[in-house]
Every structure is written in C-alpha cells, then in structure tokens.
Amino acid sequence: MHPFDTAIALTTVDAHCSRGATTSAYANMVGPFGGTTAAVLLNAALRHAERRGEPVALTVNYASALADGAFEIDARAVRTNRSTQHWILQLRQGDDVAATATAVFATRRETWSAPEATAPADPPAPDTLARQDPTRRPPWVQRYDMRFIDGGMPTRFDGAEHPHSHSCLWVRDDPPRPIDFASLAALCDTFFPRVYLRRRKIVPIGTVSLTTYFHADTAMLAAHGAQPVLASAHGLNFRNGYCDQRGELWSARRELLASTQQVMYYRE
C-alpha cells in the first residue's frame, strides 16, 4: 500500500464513525502533516455510504495539534439537495476535538464553462529541475517530490526580509501515485509557510484554517494520473500574529485542478 493510502486509511465503527491513526511517514514538527489531516477528513465523507457526487469544497479548522496515535472521525451528511450535499466532520482523540471540517459535494452537469485564472507562463519541465533536498526536513517533506521554479525553502535563515513570498514548483507524491481527491487535498497544504520565505526567520507557526476548492472532476484527475502538478502560492498579508496564503494547483495540461486559501498563526 502507498504510504499516503496508509495515512488516510479508515475502518468503520458504525454508520457515522470511522477510526484511523497517524503514521510516522507524514510526521511534522508537531503532530502529523496538516495535509493528511485534511485528506483523511475528506476520505471519511468519500467512503461514506450516503455520499453523493464529488467534492467541490472542503474547509478544515485545526483546533489543536494531533497527538501520535489513534483518532475517530464522525462524518454526517446534514443536507442533501438535488445537486449538492453538505457534510459536517469532526476528528476526535479521546474526549478532545482536534479538528472540524465542512465539505460540499456536488453532481456536476455539462454546462457553459470558461477558465479565467491563468497558469504560470512557460515553466521549465520538471525533469530539468533539481529536487528540493528533503534532508533535515520533517518526514512528510520526504513524501513529496518538489522541484522549485521560484520560492523554495530558504537555505539561510538570517532574518533578512524578502520582498515577496511567492513560490512556484512542480510537486507530486513520492513514490508516484495517481492523483485523486484525497491526495489533491493534501497537495494543497504542501506549500512551505509563507512567513518563512518572507522573513527568513524560523518562528513557531501552525495552520488555523484551510479551505480547498476542487475544480477538477474524476475524469480530469484520471487523465492527469501520477504526473506532477504545477503549484503556485503567495501570501496576501502578515499582521499581528496571523498570515494567509493563496494557492493554485494546475495539471500538466494547464487545467486548474484546485485553488486553496489558508490562515496561519505565527509567534515571535
């Protein structure tokens, strides 16, 4: 089994409750990588017997750092309409709520469609770029092949403020794995914290809330397969202990797969 599939694996407890566990392969500095937390919450809805349609939106609120070990997810469809379905999900460890989420699924129909966002222009091919060295990084970084075009993790943290926090890179699971909605949700959290790039200084940070909008459908993801995605991100504001991040993930054919926004805290 691929390490990612192990990380998001769930067993059924009852109609609404599933049980999973953190894995060392996706460990972060404190607790597991937030992308796998988002992915396992989405997976609880994806595998639910009542699920209808495909994910359109997912918002995860990280109430606290997960401890290593087992957890349970309560997943409930609170409203099913003609074309949309709304979910509330809660991840618990013992009596403590570690994360909550809402998800919207929908049955997509063929209609007028037109992209407005544009992919990064003329990026170099991923095989012409060196892989980001994962040495001395948290284990989860080793699970992704990252090849930066711009805005990689700084090699020196000397406190010299940088004028922007933009990043652009090719990224995919390592070992390669065909992309699906769960792995796409995790990929949306693979951007390094913008405050590290902007300030060139290591400070305590943590994601507070992560929202992902899925623009791809199952057919688009199947066509993409295990190819790298082209990812870009930048911060909009850093103020009084909180900063945000906006990101986009594109297919090799320049189709927008997902867009994402998150807010993080940072401490001096």
C-alpha atoms as a PDB file:
ATOM      1  CA  MET A   1       0.000   0.000   0.000  1.00  0.00           C
ATOM      2  CA  HIS A   2       1.224   3.507  -0.798  1.00  0.00           C
ATOM      3  CA  PRO A   3       2.277   5.434   2.354  1.00  0.00           C
ATOM      4  CA  PHE A   4      -0.411   8.038   1.634  1.00  0.00           C
ATOM      5  CA  ASP A   5      -3.142   5.399   1.485  1.00  0.00           C
ATOM      6  CA  THR A   6      -1.909   4.038   4.809  1.00  0.00           C
ATOM      7  CA  ALA A   7      -2.058   7.535   6.311  1.00  0.00           C
ATOM      8  CA  ILE A   8      -5.695   8.112   5.310  1.00  0.00           C
ATOM      9  CA  ALA A   9      -6.935   4.552   5.890  1.00  0.00           C
ATOM     10  CA  LEU A  10     -10.118   4.260   7.955  1.00  0.00           C
ATOM     11  CA  THR A  11     -12.094   1.398   9.418  1.00  0.00           C
ATOM     12  CA  THR A  12     -15.821   1.608  10.040  1.00  0.00           C
ATOM     13  CA  VAL A  13     -17.028   1.769  13.646  1.00  0.00           C
ATOM     14  CA  ASP A  14     -20.683   2.491  12.928  1.00  0.00           C
ATOM     15  CA  ALA A  15     -22.845   4.322  10.383  1.00  0.00           C
ATOM     16  CA  HIS A  16     -21.173   7.672  11.039  1.00  0.00           C
ATOM     17  CA  CYS A  17     -17.943   6.907  12.900  1.00  0.00           C
ATOM     18  CA  SER A  18     -14.633   5.743  11.410  1.00  0.00           C
ATOM     19  CA  ARG A  19     -11.315   5.057  13.100  1.00  0.00           C
ATOM     20  CA  GLY A  20      -7.811   5.830  11.831  1.00  0.00           C
ATOM     21  CA  ALA A  21      -4.314   6.518  13.121  1.00  0.00           C
ATOM     22  CA  THR A  22      -1.419   8.865  12.412  1.00  0.00           C
ATOM     23  CA  THR A  23       1.660   7.475  10.659  1.00  0.00           C
ATOM     24  CA  SER A  24       5.323   8.328  11.072  1.00  0.00           C
ATOM     25  CA  ALA A  25       5.757   8.734   7.288  1.00  0.00           C
ATOM     26  CA  TYR A  26       3.811  12.020   7.398  1.00  0.00           C
ATOM     27  CA  ALA A  27       5.015  13.352  10.733  1.00  0.00           C
ATOM     28  CA  ASN A  28       5.566  17.105  11.005  1.00  0.00           C
ATOM     29  CA  MET A  29       7.431  19.168  13.593  1.00  0.00           C
ATOM     30  CA  VAL A  30       4.431  18.843  15.937  1.00  0.00           C
ATOM     31  CA  GLY A  31       1.930  16.108  15.146  1.00  0.00           C
ATOM     32  CA  PRO A  32       1.115  14.920  11.613  1.00  0.00           C
ATOM     33  CA  PHE A  33       1.278  16.915   8.381  1.00  0.00           C
ATOM     34  CA  GLY A  34      -1.890  19.004   8.113  1.00  0.00           C
ATOM     35  CA  GLY A  35      -2.458  17.871   4.536  1.00  0.00           C
ATOM     36  CA  THR A  36      -3.015  14.284   5.623  1.00  0.00           C
ATOM     37  CA  THR A  37      -5.425  15.502   8.306  1.00  0.00           C
ATOM     38  CA  ALA A  38      -7.429  17.311   5.609  1.00  0.00           C
ATOM     39  CA  ALA A  39      -7.255  14.255   3.354  1.00  0.00           C
ATOM     40  CA  VAL A  40      -8.424  11.776   5.997  1.00  0.00           C
ATOM     41  CA  LEU A  41     -11.356  14.024   6.921  1.00  0.00           C
ATOM     42  CA  LEU A  42     -12.351  14.193   3.268  1.00  0.00           C
ATOM     43  CA  ASN A  43     -11.878  10.444   2.975  1.00  0.00           C
ATOM     44  CA  ALA A  44     -14.384   9.894   5.775  1.00  0.00           C
ATOM     45  CA  ALA A  45     -17.030  11.526   3.577  1.00  0.00           C
ATOM     46  CA  LEU A  46     -15.772   9.981   0.322  1.00  0.00           C
ATOM     47  CA  ARG A  47     -16.150   6.438   1.671  1.00  0.00           C
ATOM     48  CA  HIS A  48     -19.472   7.081   3.435  1.00  0.00           C
ATOM     49  CA  ALA A  49     -22.463   5.064   2.194  1.00  0.00           C
ATOM     50  CA  GLU A  50     -24.594   8.224   1.996  1.00  0.00           C
ATOM     51  CA  ARG A  51     -22.146  10.216  -0.117  1.00  0.00           C
ATOM     52  CA  ARG A  52     -23.482  11.632  -3.368  1.00  0.00           C
ATOM     53  CA  GLY A  53     -21.419  13.397  -6.042  1.00  0.00           C
ATOM     54  CA  GLU A  54     -17.841  14.639  -5.964  1.00  0.00           C
ATOM     55  CA  PRO A  55     -16.151  17.143  -3.626  1.00  0.00           C
ATOM     56  CA  VAL A  56     -16.386  20.801  -4.557  1.00  0.00           C
ATOM     57  CA  ALA A  57     -15.231  22.465  -1.327  1.00  0.00           C
ATOM     58  CA  LEU A  58     -13.509  21.453   1.909  1.00  0.00           C
ATOM     59  CA  THR A  59     -12.742  23.638   4.923  1.00  0.00           C
ATOM     60  CA  VAL A  60     -10.702  22.205   7.781  1.00  0.00           C
ATOM     61  CA  ASN A  61     -10.301  24.032  11.092  1.00  0.00           C
ATOM     62  CA  TYR A  62      -7.371  22.788  13.156  1.00  0.00           C
ATOM     63  CA  ALA A  63      -8.460  23.080  16.772  1.00  0.00           C
ATOM     64  CA  SER A  64      -5.252  21.589  18.184  1.00  0.00           C
ATOM     65  CA  ALA A  65      -2.221  19.573  17.161  1.00  0.00           C
ATOM     66  CA  LEU A  66      -2.962  15.872  16.782  1.00  0.00           C
ATOM     67  CA  ALA A  67      -1.110  13.518  19.067  1.00  0.00           C
ATOM     68  CA  ASP A  68       0.533  10.476  17.540  1.00  0.00           C
ATOM     69  CA  GLY A  69      -1.849   7.550  17.630  1.00  0.00           C
ATOM     70  CA  ALA A  70      -5.481   6.661  17.008  1.00  0.00           C
ATOM     71  CA  PHE A  71      -8.359   9.015  16.278  1.00  0.00           C
ATOM     72  CA  GLU A  72     -12.015   8.803  15.330  1.00  0.00           C
ATOM     73  CA  ILE A  73     -13.951  10.809  12.730  1.00  0.00           C
ATOM     74  CA  ASP A  74     -17.660  11.492  12.898  1.00  0.00           C
ATOM     75  CA  ALA A  75     -19.000  12.209   9.387  1.00  0.00           C
ATOM     76  CA  ARG A  76     -22.588  13.286   8.807  1.00  0.00           C
ATOM     77  CA  ALA A  77     -24.435  14.476   5.718  1.00  0.00           C
ATOM     78  CA  VAL A  78     -26.566  17.268   7.168  1.00  0.00           C
ATOM     79  CA  ARG A  79     -28.361  18.210   3.955  1.00  0.00           C
ATOM     80  CA  THR A  80     -28.750  16.554   0.547  1.00  0.00           C
ATOM     81  CA  ASN A  81     -30.289  18.660  -2.184  1.00  0.00           C
ATOM     82  CA  ARG A  82     -30.936  17.931  -5.832  1.00  0.00           C
ATOM     83  CA  SER A  83     -27.331  18.557  -6.862  1.00  0.00           C
ATOM     84  CA  THR A  84     -25.390  19.337  -3.660  1.00  0.00           C
ATOM     85  CA  GLN A  85     -24.674  17.555  -0.411  1.00  0.00           C
ATOM     86  CA  HIS A  86     -23.365  19.209   2.752  1.00  0.00           C
ATOM     87  CA  TRP A  87     -21.198  17.453   5.344  1.00  0.00           C
ATOM     88  CA  ILE A  88     -20.006  18.158   8.866  1.00  0.00           C
ATOM     89  CA  LEU A  89     -16.971  16.208  10.058  1.00  0.00           C
ATOM     90  CA  GLN A  90     -15.269  16.074  13.436  1.00  0.00           C
ATOM     91  CA  LEU A  91     -11.962  14.430  14.321  1.00  0.00           C
ATOM     92  CA  ARG A  92     -11.546  13.414  17.970  1.00  0.00           C
ATOM     93  CA  GLN A  93      -8.804  11.912  20.084  1.00  0.00           C
ATOM     94  CA  GLY A  94     -10.362  10.663  23.298  1.00  0.00           C
ATOM     95  CA  ASP A  95     -12.640  13.420  24.577  1.00  0.00           C
ATOM     96  CA  ASP A  96     -10.807  16.189  22.706  1.00  0.00           C
ATOM     97  CA  VAL A  97     -11.792  17.618  19.326  1.00  0.00           C
ATOM     98  CA  ALA A  98      -8.603  18.089  17.298  1.00  0.00           C
ATOM     99  CA  ALA A  99     -10.157  19.246  14.008  1.00  0.00           C
ATOM    100  CA  THR A 100     -13.511  20.067  12.468  1.00  0.00           C
ATOM    101  CA  ALA A 101     -14.442  20.310   8.808  1.00  0.00           C
ATOM    102  CA  THR A 102     -17.247  21.095   6.429  1.00  0.00           C
ATOM    103  CA  ALA A 103     -17.424  19.666   2.930  1.00  0.00           C
ATOM    104  CA  VAL A 104     -19.675  20.239  -0.048  1.00  0.00           C
ATOM    105  CA  PHE A 105     -20.184  17.553  -2.664  1.00  0.00           C
ATOM    106  CA  ALA A 106     -21.999  18.074  -5.940  1.00  0.00           C
ATOM    107  CA  THR A 107     -23.200  16.284  -9.023  1.00  0.00           C
ATOM    108  CA  ARG A 108     -21.614  18.190 -11.888  1.00  0.00           C
ATOM    109  CA  ARG A 109     -23.551  18.654 -15.124  1.00  0.00           C
ATOM    110  CA  GLU A 110     -22.274  19.693 -18.552  1.00  0.00           C
ATOM    111  CA  THR A 111     -22.774  23.450 -18.847  1.00  0.00           C
ATOM    112  CA  TRP A 112     -21.053  26.536 -20.208  1.00  0.00           C
ATOM    113  CA  SER A 113     -17.526  26.633 -18.782  1.00  0.00           C
ATOM    114  CA  ALA A 114     -14.673  29.116 -19.132  1.00  0.00           C
ATOM    115  CA  PRO A 115     -11.382  29.457 -17.231  1.00  0.00           C
ATOM    116  CA  GLU A 116     -10.333  32.910 -16.064  1.00  0.00           C
ATOM    117  CA  ALA A 117      -7.260  32.179 -13.960  1.00  0.00           C
ATOM    118  CA  THR A 118      -4.059  31.601 -15.903  1.00  0.00           C
ATOM    119  CA  ALA A 119      -1.341  29.078 -15.184  1.00  0.00           C
ATOM    120  CA  PRO A 120       2.261  30.199 -14.630  1.00  0.00           C
ATOM    121  CA  ALA A 121       3.700  31.021 -18.030  1.00  0.00           C
ATOM    122  CA  ASP A 122       6.263  28.767 -19.712  1.00  0.00           C
ATOM    123  CA  PRO A 123       7.510  26.820 -16.671  1.00  0.00           C
ATOM    124  CA  PRO A 124      10.551  24.624 -17.219  1.00  0.00           C
ATOM    125  CA  ALA A 125       9.832  20.908 -17.408  1.00  0.00           C
ATOM    126  CA  PRO A 126      10.041  19.156 -14.022  1.00  0.00           C
ATOM    127  CA  ASP A 127      12.793  16.787 -15.156  1.00  0.00           C
ATOM    128  CA  THR A 128      15.043  19.781 -15.893  1.00  0.00           C
ATOM    129  CA  LEU A 129      14.883  20.972 -12.276  1.00  0.00           C
ATOM    130  CA  ALA A 130      16.653  19.632  -9.208  1.00  0.00           C
ATOM    131  CA  ARG A 131      14.552  18.119  -6.475  1.00  0.00           C
ATOM    132  CA  GLN A 132      14.307  20.082  -3.218  1.00  0.00           C
ATOM    133  CA  ASP A 133      16.650  18.382  -0.758  1.00  0.00           C
ATOM    134  CA  PRO A 134      14.449  16.857   1.965  1.00  0.00           C
ATOM    135  CA  THR A 135      17.402  16.259   4.289  1.00  0.00           C
ATOM    136  CA  ARG A 136      16.842  17.636   7.796  1.00  0.00           C
ATOM    137  CA  ARG A 137      13.198  18.346   6.985  1.00  0.00           C
ATOM    138  CA  PRO A 138      10.186  16.774   8.729  1.00  0.00           C
ATOM    139  CA  PRO A 139       9.324  13.278   7.420  1.00  0.00           C
ATOM    140  CA  TRP A 140       6.295  14.457   5.442  1.00  0.00           C
ATOM    141  CA  VAL A 141       8.553  16.519   3.134  1.00  0.00           C
ATOM    142  CA  GLN A 142      10.232  13.288   2.046  1.00  0.00           C
ATOM    143  CA  ARG A 143       6.873  12.023   0.792  1.00  0.00           C
ATOM    144  CA  TYR A 144       6.728  14.720  -1.891  1.00  0.00           C
ATOM    145  CA  ASP A 145       8.962  15.275  -4.899  1.00  0.00           C
ATOM    146  CA  MET A 146       9.231  19.090  -5.024  1.00  0.00           C
ATOM    147  CA  ARG A 147      11.043  20.844  -7.865  1.00  0.00           C
ATOM    148  CA  PHE A 148      11.059  24.602  -7.390  1.00  0.00           C
ATOM    149  CA  ILE A 149      10.953  27.132 -10.184  1.00  0.00           C
ATOM    150  CA  ASP A 150      10.848  30.006  -7.691  1.00  0.00           C
ATOM    151  CA  GLY A 151      10.493  30.478  -3.939  1.00  0.00           C
ATOM    152  CA  GLY A 152      11.942  27.314  -2.443  1.00  0.00           C
ATOM    153  CA  MET A 153      12.662  26.982   1.246  1.00  0.00           C
ATOM    154  CA  PRO A 154      15.475  29.424   2.122  1.00  0.00           C
ATOM    155  CA  THR A 155      18.902  27.903   2.601  1.00  0.00           C
ATOM    156  CA  ARG A 156      19.773  30.608   5.156  1.00  0.00           C
ATOM    157  CA  PHE A 157      17.529  31.991   7.874  1.00  0.00           C
ATOM    158  CA  ASP A 158      19.361  35.214   8.633  1.00  0.00           C
ATOM    159  CA  GLY A 159      16.356  37.462   9.280  1.00  0.00           C
ATOM    160  CA  ALA A 160      16.902  39.432   6.055  1.00  0.00           C
ATOM    161  CA  GLU A 161      13.349  40.215   4.998  1.00  0.00           C
ATOM    162  CA  HIS A 162      12.453  39.177   1.442  1.00  0.00           C
ATOM    163  CA  PRO A 163      10.234  41.434  -0.722  1.00  0.00           C
ATOM    164  CA  HIS A 164       7.668  38.704  -1.508  1.00  0.00           C
ATOM    165  CA  SER A 165       6.555  35.214  -0.516  1.00  0.00           C
ATOM    166  CA  HIS A 166       5.733  33.787  -3.950  1.00  0.00           C
ATOM    167  CA  SER A 167       6.535  30.159  -4.796  1.00  0.00           C
ATOM    168  CA  CYS A 168       6.132  28.129  -7.970  1.00  0.00           C
ATOM    169  CA  LEU A 169       7.009  24.455  -8.214  1.00  0.00           C
ATOM    170  CA  TRP A 170       6.248  21.059  -9.652  1.00  0.00           C
ATOM    171  CA  VAL A 171       5.152  18.603  -6.945  1.00  0.00           C
ATOM    172  CA  ARG A 172       3.848  15.046  -6.730  1.00  0.00           C
ATOM    173  CA  ASP A 173       3.642  12.179  -4.277  1.00  0.00           C
ATOM    174  CA  ASP A 174       6.783  10.155  -3.646  1.00  0.00           C
ATOM    175  CA  PRO A 175       6.650   7.365  -4.599  1.00  0.00           C
ATOM    176  CA  PRO A 176       4.459   8.495  -7.531  1.00  0.00           C
ATOM    177  CA  ARG A 177       0.741   7.849  -7.072  1.00  0.00           C
ATOM    178  CA  PRO A 178      -2.201   8.617  -9.383  1.00  0.00           C
ATOM    179  CA  ILE A 179      -3.873  11.758  -8.098  1.00  0.00           C
ATOM    180  CA  ASP A 180      -7.367  11.621  -6.589  1.00  0.00           C
ATOM    181  CA  PHE A 181      -9.455  13.967  -4.476  1.00  0.00           C
ATOM    182  CA  ALA A 182      -7.831  12.941  -1.190  1.00  0.00           C
ATOM    183  CA  SER A 183      -4.264  13.375  -2.445  1.00  0.00           C
ATOM    184  CA  LEU A 184      -5.227  16.656  -4.139  1.00  0.00           C
ATOM    185  CA  ALA A 185      -6.499  17.921  -0.767  1.00  0.00           C
ATOM    186  CA  ALA A 186      -3.145  17.036   0.799  1.00  0.00           C
ATOM    187  CA  LEU A 187      -1.147  18.606  -2.038  1.00  0.00           C
ATOM    188  CA  CYS A 188      -2.909  21.900  -1.328  1.00  0.00           C
ATOM    189  CA  ASP A 189      -1.064  22.015   2.006  1.00  0.00           C
ATOM    190  CA  THR A 190       2.429  21.217   0.704  1.00  0.00           C
ATOM    191  CA  PHE A 191       3.481  24.871   0.355  1.00  0.00           C
ATOM    192  CA  PHE A 192       6.069  25.863   2.947  1.00  0.00           C
ATOM    193  CA  PRO A 193       4.872  28.590   5.361  1.00  0.00           C
ATOM    194  CA  ARG A 194       4.911  31.977   3.656  1.00  0.00           C
ATOM    195  CA  VAL A 195       6.286  33.674   6.753  1.00  0.00           C
ATOM    196  CA  TYR A 196       9.482  31.608   6.469  1.00  0.00           C
ATOM    197  CA  LEU A 197      10.022  32.859   2.923  1.00  0.00           C
ATOM    198  CA  ARG A 198       9.153  36.463   3.699  1.00  0.00           C
ATOM    199  CA  ARG A 199      11.094  36.897   6.933  1.00  0.00           C
ATOM    200  CA  ARG A 200      13.917  34.374   6.500  1.00  0.00           C
ATOM    201  CA  LYS A 201      13.392  33.512  10.137  1.00  0.00           C
ATOM    202  CA  ILE A 202      12.175  30.331  11.845  1.00  0.00           C
ATOM    203  CA  VAL A 203       9.265  31.104  14.167  1.00  0.00           C
ATOM    204  CA  PRO A 204       6.556  28.855  15.646  1.00  0.00           C
ATOM    205  CA  ILE A 205       3.696  28.530  13.152  1.00  0.00           C
ATOM    206  CA  GLY A 206       0.553  26.487  12.659  1.00  0.00           C
ATOM    207  CA  THR A 207      -2.408  26.329  10.280  1.00  0.00           C
ATOM    208  CA  VAL A 208      -5.661  27.556  11.791  1.00  0.00           C
ATOM    209  CA  SER A 209      -7.997  27.020   8.837  1.00  0.00           C
ATOM    210  CA  LEU A 210      -7.514  25.553   5.344  1.00  0.00           C
ATOM    211  CA  THR A 211     -10.072  25.796   2.534  1.00  0.00           C
ATOM    212  CA  THR A 212      -9.771  23.975  -0.771  1.00  0.00           C
ATOM    213  CA  TYR A 213     -11.974  24.358  -3.835  1.00  0.00           C
ATOM    214  CA  PHE A 214     -11.908  21.392  -6.214  1.00  0.00           C
ATOM    215  CA  HIS A 215     -12.237  22.440  -9.850  1.00  0.00           C
ATOM    216  CA  ALA A 216     -11.342  19.002 -11.217  1.00  0.00           C
ATOM    217  CA  ASP A 217     -13.711  16.099 -11.615  1.00  0.00           C
ATOM    218  CA  THR A 218     -12.928  12.385 -11.579  1.00  0.00           C
ATOM    219  CA  ALA A 219     -12.304  12.234 -15.323  1.00  0.00           C
ATOM    220  CA  MET A 220      -9.831  15.133 -15.208  1.00  0.00           C
ATOM    221  CA  LEU A 221      -7.918  13.543 -12.339  1.00  0.00           C
ATOM    222  CA  ALA A 222      -7.828  10.184 -14.104  1.00  0.00           C
ATOM    223  CA  ALA A 223      -6.380  11.842 -17.210  1.00  0.00           C
ATOM    224  CA  HIS A 224      -3.706  13.518 -15.092  1.00  0.00           C
ATOM    225  CA  GLY A 225      -2.589  10.269 -13.493  1.00  0.00           C
ATOM    226  CA  ALA A 226       0.651  10.384 -11.498  1.00  0.00           C
ATOM    227  CA  GLN A 227       2.190  13.375 -13.289  1.00  0.00           C
ATOM    228  CA  PRO A 228       3.475  16.298 -11.186  1.00  0.00           C
ATOM    229  CA  VAL A 229       1.123  19.217 -10.615  1.00  0.00           C
ATOM    230  CA  LEU A 230       2.223  22.810 -11.180  1.00  0.00           C
ATOM    231  CA  ALA A 231       1.666  24.678  -7.920  1.00  0.00           C
ATOM    232  CA  SER A 232       1.931  28.365  -7.073  1.00  0.00           C
ATOM    233  CA  ALA A 233       1.286  30.254  -3.842  1.00  0.00           C
ATOM    234  CA  HIS A 234       1.737  33.663  -2.258  1.00  0.00           C
ATOM    235  CA  GLY A 235       0.769  35.459   0.913  1.00  0.00           C
ATOM    236  CA  LEU A 236      -1.565  38.451   0.978  1.00  0.00           C
ATOM    237  CA  ASN A 237      -0.975  39.867   4.452  1.00  0.00           C
ATOM    238  CA  PHE A 238       1.121  39.317   7.580  1.00  0.00           C
ATOM    239  CA  ARG A 239      -0.297  41.093  10.624  1.00  0.00           C
ATOM    240  CA  ASN A 240      -0.249  40.736  14.400  1.00  0.00           C
ATOM    241  CA  GLY A 241       0.477  37.033  14.550  1.00  0.00           C
ATOM    242  CA  TYR A 242      -1.625  35.819  11.613  1.00  0.00           C
ATOM    243  CA  CYS A 243      -0.910  35.483   7.910  1.00  0.00           C
ATOM    244  CA  ASP A 244      -2.677  33.964   4.948  1.00  0.00           C
ATOM    245  CA  GLN A 245      -1.736  32.031   1.844  1.00  0.00           C
ATOM    246  CA  ARG A 246      -3.436  31.658  -1.540  1.00  0.00           C
ATOM    247  CA  GLY A 247      -2.514  28.797  -3.839  1.00  0.00           C
ATOM    248  CA  GLU A 248      -3.382  27.183  -7.161  1.00  0.00           C
ATOM    249  CA  LEU A 249      -2.681  23.679  -8.466  1.00  0.00           C
ATOM    250  CA  TRP A 250      -2.571  23.064 -12.206  1.00  0.00           C
ATOM    251  CA  SER A 251      -2.385  19.924 -14.314  1.00  0.00           C
ATOM    252  CA  ALA A 252       0.381  19.326 -16.832  1.00  0.00           C
ATOM    253  CA  ARG A 253      -2.184  20.382 -19.468  1.00  0.00           C
ATOM    254  CA  ARG A 254      -2.694  23.720 -17.635  1.00  0.00           C
ATOM    255  CA  GLU A 255      -6.121  22.818 -16.272  1.00  0.00           C
ATOM    256  CA  LEU A 256      -6.895  24.301 -12.863  1.00  0.00           C
ATOM    257  CA  LEU A 257      -7.307  21.327 -10.528  1.00  0.00           C
ATOM    258  CA  ALA A 258      -7.806  23.169  -7.233  1.00  0.00           C
ATOM    259  CA  SER A 259      -7.435  26.526  -5.541  1.00  0.00           C
ATOM    260  CA  THR A 260      -6.771  26.954  -1.850  1.00  0.00           C
ATOM    261  CA  GLN A 261      -6.658  29.538   0.907  1.00  0.00           C
ATOM    262  CA  GLN A 262      -5.409  29.163   4.441  1.00  0.00           C
ATOM    263  CA  VAL A 263      -4.726  31.258   7.518  1.00  0.00           C
ATOM    264  CA  MET A 264      -1.871  30.522   9.917  1.00  0.00           C
ATOM    265  CA  TYR A 265      -0.683  31.879  13.223  1.00  0.00           C
ATOM    266  CA  TYR A 266       2.937  32.789  13.867  1.00  0.00           C
ATOM    267  CA  ARG A 267       4.708  33.764  17.063  1.00  0.00           C
ATOM    268  CA  GLU A 268       7.707  35.961  17.707  1.00  0.00           C
END
